[in-house]
Amino acid sequence: MLSAEHEDLRDAVRAMLSRGNASWSGLCQQIGVAGLAVPEEYGGAGATLLEAHVVLEETGRVLAPVPMLSATMAAHALLLSGDKAACADLLPGIVEGTTIATVVWADSLAETVRYVLDGDTADVLVVSTPDGLFLGDSTHRVHTPTMDESRRLATVHLSGGTRIGPPAPRLRDIALVAQTAEQVGAAQQCLDMTVEYTKTRVQFGRPIGSFQALKHRMADMHVLVETARSISYAAVENLDLAAAAAVSCGETLSFVAGEMIQLHGGIAITWEHDAHRYFKRAHSSAHLFGQPHEHVARISRAI
């Protein structure tokens, strides 16, 4: 259950994002979004992943082109490393929004890694390998255009790095849980857009939202979104639920985005409407930190 302070945080982020020109530096310096889960000794707010979760839900709701997910992952990677010097050197800049950081999952420090979130714009690459955490070096990084234009992905050519800590197996769980917040926010926006449209679209002399069959479909969407939100927030408190949350929230966003397109009709497949952006986000996010079948297999092994 979110507190009044969490709701105030949500309102502040939503208000800033609604202006349409919210910058990453503005979100960081005016609201402190990148430093919510960072200890005060490194310039953060000393809160928890829950507060970051509230922000991620809002950035996901509008598909905001800001590196909130990358910053959340990178900050936690640095904290998990236990390297106080690296934390003191890098976290204040991440908190202020002046340093862009992201995480690269790799098998070694000498390989090419594709689909790295914000990989071409990041100032800092925290590389997570089976051998430990490293500050990575790269020979070059190339932006990778994808169908989902709301994500900035890149191909990163690693060329070494400096070890800062042991392996961090929980880091991917943190990334998965953080992404579920974005997925829930996007799914809620799909539902809200659909409900609003069915109130104004008229056929046979009445709004289509008044037809019982469409009411049932939107009710199903609502139940799925609320269920996904529940497991997403539960996973914040219990990272053992990360894989289950990833599967549930990913499937929910895919379903709700598909229903949005169907219930909007022809307008939803036009370039001018936002429906296609959410549909693309649904499919791209489901594969960002591992394939859905890998998460299902992990759940099966745990049962």
Protein backbone atom coordinates (compact mmCIF):
# COMPACT_ATOMS: atom_id res chain seq x y z
CA MET A 1 0.00 0.00 0.00
CA LEU A 2 1.45 3.36 -1.03
CA SER A 3 1.67 6.11 1.58
CA ALA A 4 0.62 9.73 1.17
CA GLU A 5 4.28 10.58 0.53
CA HIS A 6 4.40 8.07 -2.31
CA GLU A 7 1.27 9.56 -3.84
CA ASP A 8 2.80 13.03 -3.58
CA LEU A 9 5.89 11.73 -5.36
CA ARG A 10 3.73 10.18 -8.08
CA ASP A 11 1.80 13.43 -8.52
CA ALA A 12 4.98 15.49 -8.77
CA VAL A 13 6.52 13.23 -11.40
CA ARG A 14 3.26 13.00 -13.35
CA ALA A 15 2.85 16.77 -13.35
CA MET A 16 6.38 17.30 -14.62
CA LEU A 17 6.06 14.65 -17.32
CA SER A 18 2.70 16.06 -18.44
CA ARG A 19 4.40 19.27 -19.56
CA GLY A 20 5.76 17.40 -22.55
CA ASN A 21 9.27 18.82 -22.30
CA ALA A 22 10.50 17.30 -19.06
CA SER A 23 14.25 16.73 -19.19
CA TRP A 24 16.28 14.11 -17.37
CA SER A 25 18.34 16.77 -15.62
CA GLY A 26 15.14 18.52 -14.53
CA LEU A 27 13.64 15.32 -13.09
CA CYS A 28 16.87 14.60 -11.24
CA GLN A 29 17.56 18.07 -9.90
CA GLN A 30 13.99 19.14 -9.12
CA ILE A 31 12.55 15.85 -7.86
CA GLY A 32 15.64 13.73 -7.32
CA VAL A 33 14.34 10.69 -9.19
CA ALA A 34 17.74 9.10 -9.86
CA GLY A 35 18.82 9.28 -6.23
CA LEU A 36 15.76 7.97 -4.46
CA ALA A 37 17.31 4.59 -3.61
CA VAL A 38 20.85 5.96 -3.20
CA PRO A 39 22.23 6.47 0.34
CA GLU A 40 22.54 10.03 1.56
CA GLU A 41 26.33 9.72 1.84
CA TYR A 42 26.44 9.62 -1.98
CA GLY A 43 24.00 12.48 -2.50
CA GLY A 44 20.82 10.43 -2.66
CA ALA A 45 17.59 10.49 -0.71
CA GLY A 46 18.34 7.32 1.24
CA ALA A 47 14.98 5.79 0.36
CA THR A 48 14.34 2.38 -1.23
CA LEU A 49 13.57 0.68 -4.52
CA LEU A 50 9.89 1.23 -3.73
CA GLU A 51 10.20 4.99 -4.26
CA ALA A 52 12.06 4.41 -7.53
CA HIS A 53 9.27 2.00 -8.47
CA VAL A 54 6.68 4.77 -8.16
CA VAL A 55 8.70 6.94 -10.55
CA LEU A 56 9.28 4.10 -13.01
CA GLU A 57 5.56 3.45 -13.21
CA GLU A 58 5.03 7.07 -14.21
CA THR A 59 7.84 7.16 -16.78
CA GLY A 60 6.47 3.93 -18.23
CA ARG A 61 2.97 5.36 -18.37
CA VAL A 62 4.00 8.01 -20.90
CA LEU A 63 6.95 6.09 -22.41
CA ALA A 64 9.16 8.96 -21.29
CA PRO A 65 12.50 9.09 -23.17
CA VAL A 66 14.56 9.35 -19.98
CA PRO A 67 17.18 6.89 -18.64
CA MET A 68 15.37 6.17 -15.36
CA LEU A 69 15.57 2.41 -15.78
CA SER A 70 19.26 2.53 -16.67
CA ALA A 71 20.04 4.83 -13.75
CA THR A 72 18.19 2.59 -11.31
CA MET A 73 20.08 -0.50 -12.50
CA ALA A 74 23.47 1.19 -12.54
CA ALA A 75 23.07 2.75 -9.10
CA HIS A 76 22.13 -0.61 -7.59
CA ALA A 77 25.01 -2.30 -9.41
CA LEU A 78 27.47 0.14 -7.88
CA LEU A 79 25.97 -0.32 -4.43
CA LEU A 80 26.05 -4.11 -4.78
CA SER A 81 29.72 -3.94 -5.76
CA GLY A 82 30.69 -2.77 -2.29
CA ASP A 83 33.35 -0.53 -3.81
CA LYS A 84 33.02 2.64 -1.76
CA ALA A 85 35.52 4.54 -3.90
CA ALA A 86 33.59 3.80 -7.09
CA CYS A 87 30.32 4.72 -5.38
CA ALA A 88 31.72 8.00 -4.10
CA ASP A 89 33.14 8.81 -7.50
CA LEU A 90 30.14 7.93 -9.68
CA LEU A 91 26.90 7.98 -7.68
CA PRO A 92 26.73 11.77 -7.06
CA GLY A 93 26.83 12.42 -10.80
CA ILE A 94 24.17 9.77 -11.44
CA VAL A 95 22.00 11.32 -8.75
CA GLU A 96 22.38 14.80 -10.26
CA GLY A 97 21.62 13.52 -13.74
CA THR A 98 24.94 14.78 -15.08
CA THR A 99 26.33 11.24 -15.45
CA ILE A 100 24.41 8.71 -17.52
CA ALA A 101 25.12 5.13 -16.48
CA THR A 102 23.81 1.75 -17.54
CA VAL A 103 24.41 -1.95 -17.00
CA VAL A 104 25.81 -4.39 -19.55
CA TRP A 105 25.32 -8.13 -19.05
CA ALA A 106 28.20 -10.01 -20.63
CA ASP A 107 30.09 -13.29 -20.41
CA SER A 108 33.45 -11.55 -20.57
CA LEU A 109 35.10 -8.15 -20.90
CA ALA A 110 36.09 -8.75 -24.50
CA GLU A 111 32.93 -9.25 -26.48
CA THR A 112 30.22 -7.47 -28.43
CA VAL A 113 26.95 -7.06 -26.57
CA ARG A 114 23.77 -6.14 -28.40
CA TYR A 115 20.67 -4.33 -27.20
CA VAL A 116 22.27 -2.50 -24.29
CA LEU A 117 19.84 0.01 -22.82
CA ASP A 118 21.19 3.55 -23.37
CA GLY A 119 24.49 1.93 -24.27
CA ASP A 120 25.61 4.55 -26.77
CA THR A 121 24.84 7.59 -24.62
CA ALA A 122 26.01 6.31 -21.24
CA ASP A 123 29.07 7.86 -19.63
CA VAL A 124 29.54 4.80 -17.42
CA LEU A 125 29.15 1.12 -18.30
CA VAL A 126 28.79 -1.17 -15.30
CA VAL A 127 29.47 -4.64 -16.70
CA SER A 128 27.99 -7.64 -14.92
CA THR A 129 29.76 -10.92 -15.71
CA PRO A 130 29.89 -14.35 -14.04
CA ASP A 131 33.28 -13.28 -12.68
CA GLY A 132 32.14 -10.05 -11.06
CA LEU A 133 31.18 -6.43 -11.58
CA PHE A 134 33.40 -4.14 -13.64
CA LEU A 135 33.56 -0.59 -14.90
CA GLY A 136 33.74 -1.41 -18.57
CA ASP A 137 35.79 0.06 -21.39
CA SER A 138 34.57 -0.05 -24.97
CA THR A 139 36.22 0.49 -28.32
CA HIS A 140 33.03 1.88 -29.79
CA ARG A 141 29.28 1.87 -29.30
CA VAL A 142 26.63 2.07 -32.00
CA HIS A 143 22.99 3.06 -31.69
CA THR A 144 20.71 0.18 -32.73
CA PRO A 145 17.44 1.32 -34.33
CA THR A 146 14.51 -0.91 -33.36
CA MET A 147 10.76 -1.00 -33.92
CA ASP A 148 10.29 0.38 -30.41
CA GLU A 149 11.47 3.95 -30.81
CA SER A 150 10.70 4.74 -27.17
CA ARG A 151 13.77 2.70 -26.13
CA ARG A 152 17.34 3.67 -26.91
CA LEU A 153 19.40 0.53 -27.45
CA ALA A 154 22.95 0.09 -28.64
CA THR A 155 25.58 -2.44 -29.62
CA VAL A 156 28.55 -2.16 -27.28
CA HIS A 157 32.02 -3.52 -28.10
CA LEU A 158 33.73 -4.19 -24.77
CA SER A 159 37.50 -3.96 -24.54
CA GLY A 160 38.28 -4.53 -20.89
CA GLY A 161 37.43 -2.98 -17.56
CA THR A 162 38.24 -2.44 -13.90
CA ARG A 163 36.87 -4.86 -11.34
CA ILE A 164 34.78 -3.24 -8.62
CA GLY A 165 33.08 -6.18 -6.96
CA PRO A 166 32.00 -9.83 -6.92
CA PRO A 167 29.21 -11.26 -9.09
CA ALA A 168 25.80 -9.77 -8.34
CA PRO A 169 23.18 -12.40 -9.14
CA ARG A 170 20.40 -10.23 -7.70
CA LEU A 171 21.12 -7.39 -10.11
CA ARG A 172 19.09 -8.91 -12.95
CA ASP A 173 16.19 -9.44 -10.54
CA ILE A 174 16.33 -5.76 -9.63
CA ALA A 175 16.31 -4.88 -13.33
CA LEU A 176 13.34 -7.17 -13.98
CA VAL A 177 11.35 -5.75 -11.09
CA ALA A 178 12.14 -2.17 -12.08
CA GLN A 179 10.97 -2.87 -15.60
CA THR A 180 7.68 -4.32 -14.37
CA ALA A 181 6.88 -0.90 -12.93
CA GLU A 182 7.26 0.59 -16.40
CA GLN A 183 5.10 -2.18 -17.86
CA VAL A 184 2.35 -1.60 -15.32
CA GLY A 185 2.39 2.13 -16.01
CA ALA A 186 2.16 1.53 -19.76
CA ALA A 187 -0.65 -1.01 -19.31
CA GLN A 188 -2.60 1.45 -17.15
CA GLN A 189 -2.26 4.10 -19.83
CA CYS A 190 -3.50 1.66 -22.50
CA LEU A 191 -6.55 0.96 -20.35
CA ASP A 192 -7.19 4.65 -19.64
CA MET A 193 -6.89 5.57 -23.31
CA THR A 194 -9.29 2.79 -24.27
CA VAL A 195 -11.91 3.69 -21.68
CA GLU A 196 -11.78 7.35 -22.70
CA TYR A 197 -12.08 6.51 -26.40
CA THR A 198 -15.07 4.22 -25.92
CA LYS A 199 -16.89 7.03 -24.12
CA THR A 200 -16.67 9.29 -27.17
CA ARG A 201 -16.75 6.89 -30.15
CA VAL A 202 -20.37 6.55 -31.30
CA GLN A 203 -21.87 3.74 -33.33
CA PHE A 204 -25.53 2.89 -33.84
CA GLY A 205 -26.39 6.12 -32.08
CA ARG A 206 -24.64 5.41 -28.77
CA PRO A 207 -21.10 5.39 -27.32
CA ILE A 208 -19.45 2.04 -27.96
CA GLY A 209 -18.45 1.88 -24.30
CA SER A 210 -22.08 1.32 -23.41
CA PHE A 211 -22.17 -2.04 -25.17
CA GLN A 212 -22.03 -4.91 -22.69
CA ALA A 213 -19.46 -6.93 -24.63
CA LEU A 214 -16.99 -4.04 -24.62
CA LYS A 215 -17.62 -3.37 -20.94
CA HIS A 216 -16.64 -6.96 -20.21
CA ARG A 217 -13.45 -6.67 -22.22
CA MET A 218 -12.42 -3.48 -20.44
CA ALA A 219 -13.28 -5.04 -17.10
CA ASP A 220 -10.93 -7.90 -17.95
CA MET A 221 -8.23 -5.38 -18.85
CA HIS A 222 -8.73 -3.62 -15.52
CA VAL A 223 -8.41 -6.87 -13.54
CA LEU A 224 -5.22 -7.81 -15.37
CA VAL A 225 -3.64 -4.39 -14.81
CA GLU A 226 -4.45 -4.40 -11.09
CA THR A 227 -3.15 -7.95 -10.73
CA ALA A 228 0.06 -7.03 -12.51
CA ARG A 229 0.46 -3.97 -10.30
CA SER A 230 0.05 -6.11 -7.19
CA ILE A 231 2.72 -8.62 -8.15
CA SER A 232 5.03 -5.85 -9.37
CA TYR A 233 4.94 -4.08 -6.01
CA ALA A 234 5.14 -7.39 -4.15
CA ALA A 235 8.34 -8.18 -6.05
CA VAL A 236 9.88 -4.93 -4.80
CA GLU A 237 9.66 -6.35 -1.28
CA ASN A 238 10.59 -9.91 -2.30
CA LEU A 239 13.02 -10.25 -5.21
CA ASP A 240 12.30 -14.00 -5.33
CA LEU A 241 9.14 -12.97 -7.19
CA ALA A 242 11.09 -11.16 -9.92
CA ALA A 243 10.70 -13.85 -12.60
CA ALA A 244 6.98 -14.30 -11.88
CA ALA A 245 6.44 -10.55 -11.95
CA ALA A 246 8.32 -10.26 -15.24
CA VAL A 247 6.13 -12.90 -16.87
CA SER A 248 2.87 -11.55 -15.45
CA CYS A 249 3.53 -7.89 -16.22
CA GLY A 250 4.94 -8.63 -19.65
CA GLU A 251 1.93 -10.72 -20.65
CA THR A 252 -0.45 -8.15 -19.21
CA LEU A 253 1.02 -5.28 -21.19
CA SER A 254 1.00 -7.34 -24.40
CA PHE A 255 -2.64 -8.31 -23.91
CA VAL A 256 -3.87 -4.87 -22.88
CA ALA A 257 -1.99 -3.15 -25.70
CA GLY A 258 -3.54 -5.59 -28.17
CA GLU A 259 -7.02 -5.01 -26.77
CA MET A 260 -6.48 -1.25 -26.96
CA ILE A 261 -5.75 -1.51 -30.67
CA GLN A 262 -8.80 -3.68 -31.32
CA LEU A 263 -11.19 -1.49 -29.33
CA HIS A 264 -9.90 1.69 -30.96
CA GLY A 265 -10.44 0.27 -34.43
CA GLY A 266 -8.77 1.70 -37.52
CA ILE A 267 -7.40 4.83 -35.86
CA ALA A 268 -5.13 2.68 -33.68
CA ILE A 269 -3.06 1.47 -36.62
CA THR A 270 -2.27 4.97 -37.86
CA TRP A 271 1.14 6.52 -37.27
CA GLU A 272 -0.42 9.57 -35.64
CA HIS A 273 -2.03 7.59 -32.79
CA ASP A 274 0.05 6.47 -29.79
CA ALA A 275 -1.39 2.94 -29.74
CA HIS A 276 1.40 1.52 -31.90
CA ARG A 277 4.03 2.91 -29.53
CA TYR A 278 2.59 0.98 -26.59
CA PHE A 279 2.19 -2.17 -28.67
CA LYS A 280 5.85 -2.00 -29.69
CA ARG A 281 6.95 -1.31 -26.11
CA ALA A 282 4.97 -4.34 -24.94
CA HIS A 283 6.85 -6.68 -27.24
CA SER A 284 10.31 -5.16 -26.83
CA SER A 285 10.20 -4.97 -23.03
CA ALA A 286 9.25 -8.63 -22.74
CA HIS A 287 12.70 -9.56 -24.09
CA LEU A 288 14.94 -6.85 -22.64
CA PHE A 289 16.35 -8.74 -19.64
CA GLY A 290 15.86 -12.33 -20.77
CA GLN A 291 13.37 -14.30 -22.79
CA PRO A 292 9.92 -15.04 -21.27
CA HIS A 293 10.51 -18.81 -21.54
CA GLU A 294 13.68 -18.40 -19.49
CA HIS A 295 11.70 -16.76 -16.69
CA VAL A 296 9.06 -19.50 -16.86
CA ALA A 297 11.76 -22.18 -16.67
CA ARG A 298 13.26 -20.46 -13.65
CA ILE A 299 9.87 -20.40 -11.94
CA SER A 300 9.39 -24.09 -12.71
CA ARG A 301 12.76 -24.98 -11.16
CA ALA A 302 11.83 -23.09 -8.00
CA ILE A 303 8.54 -24.92 -7.50
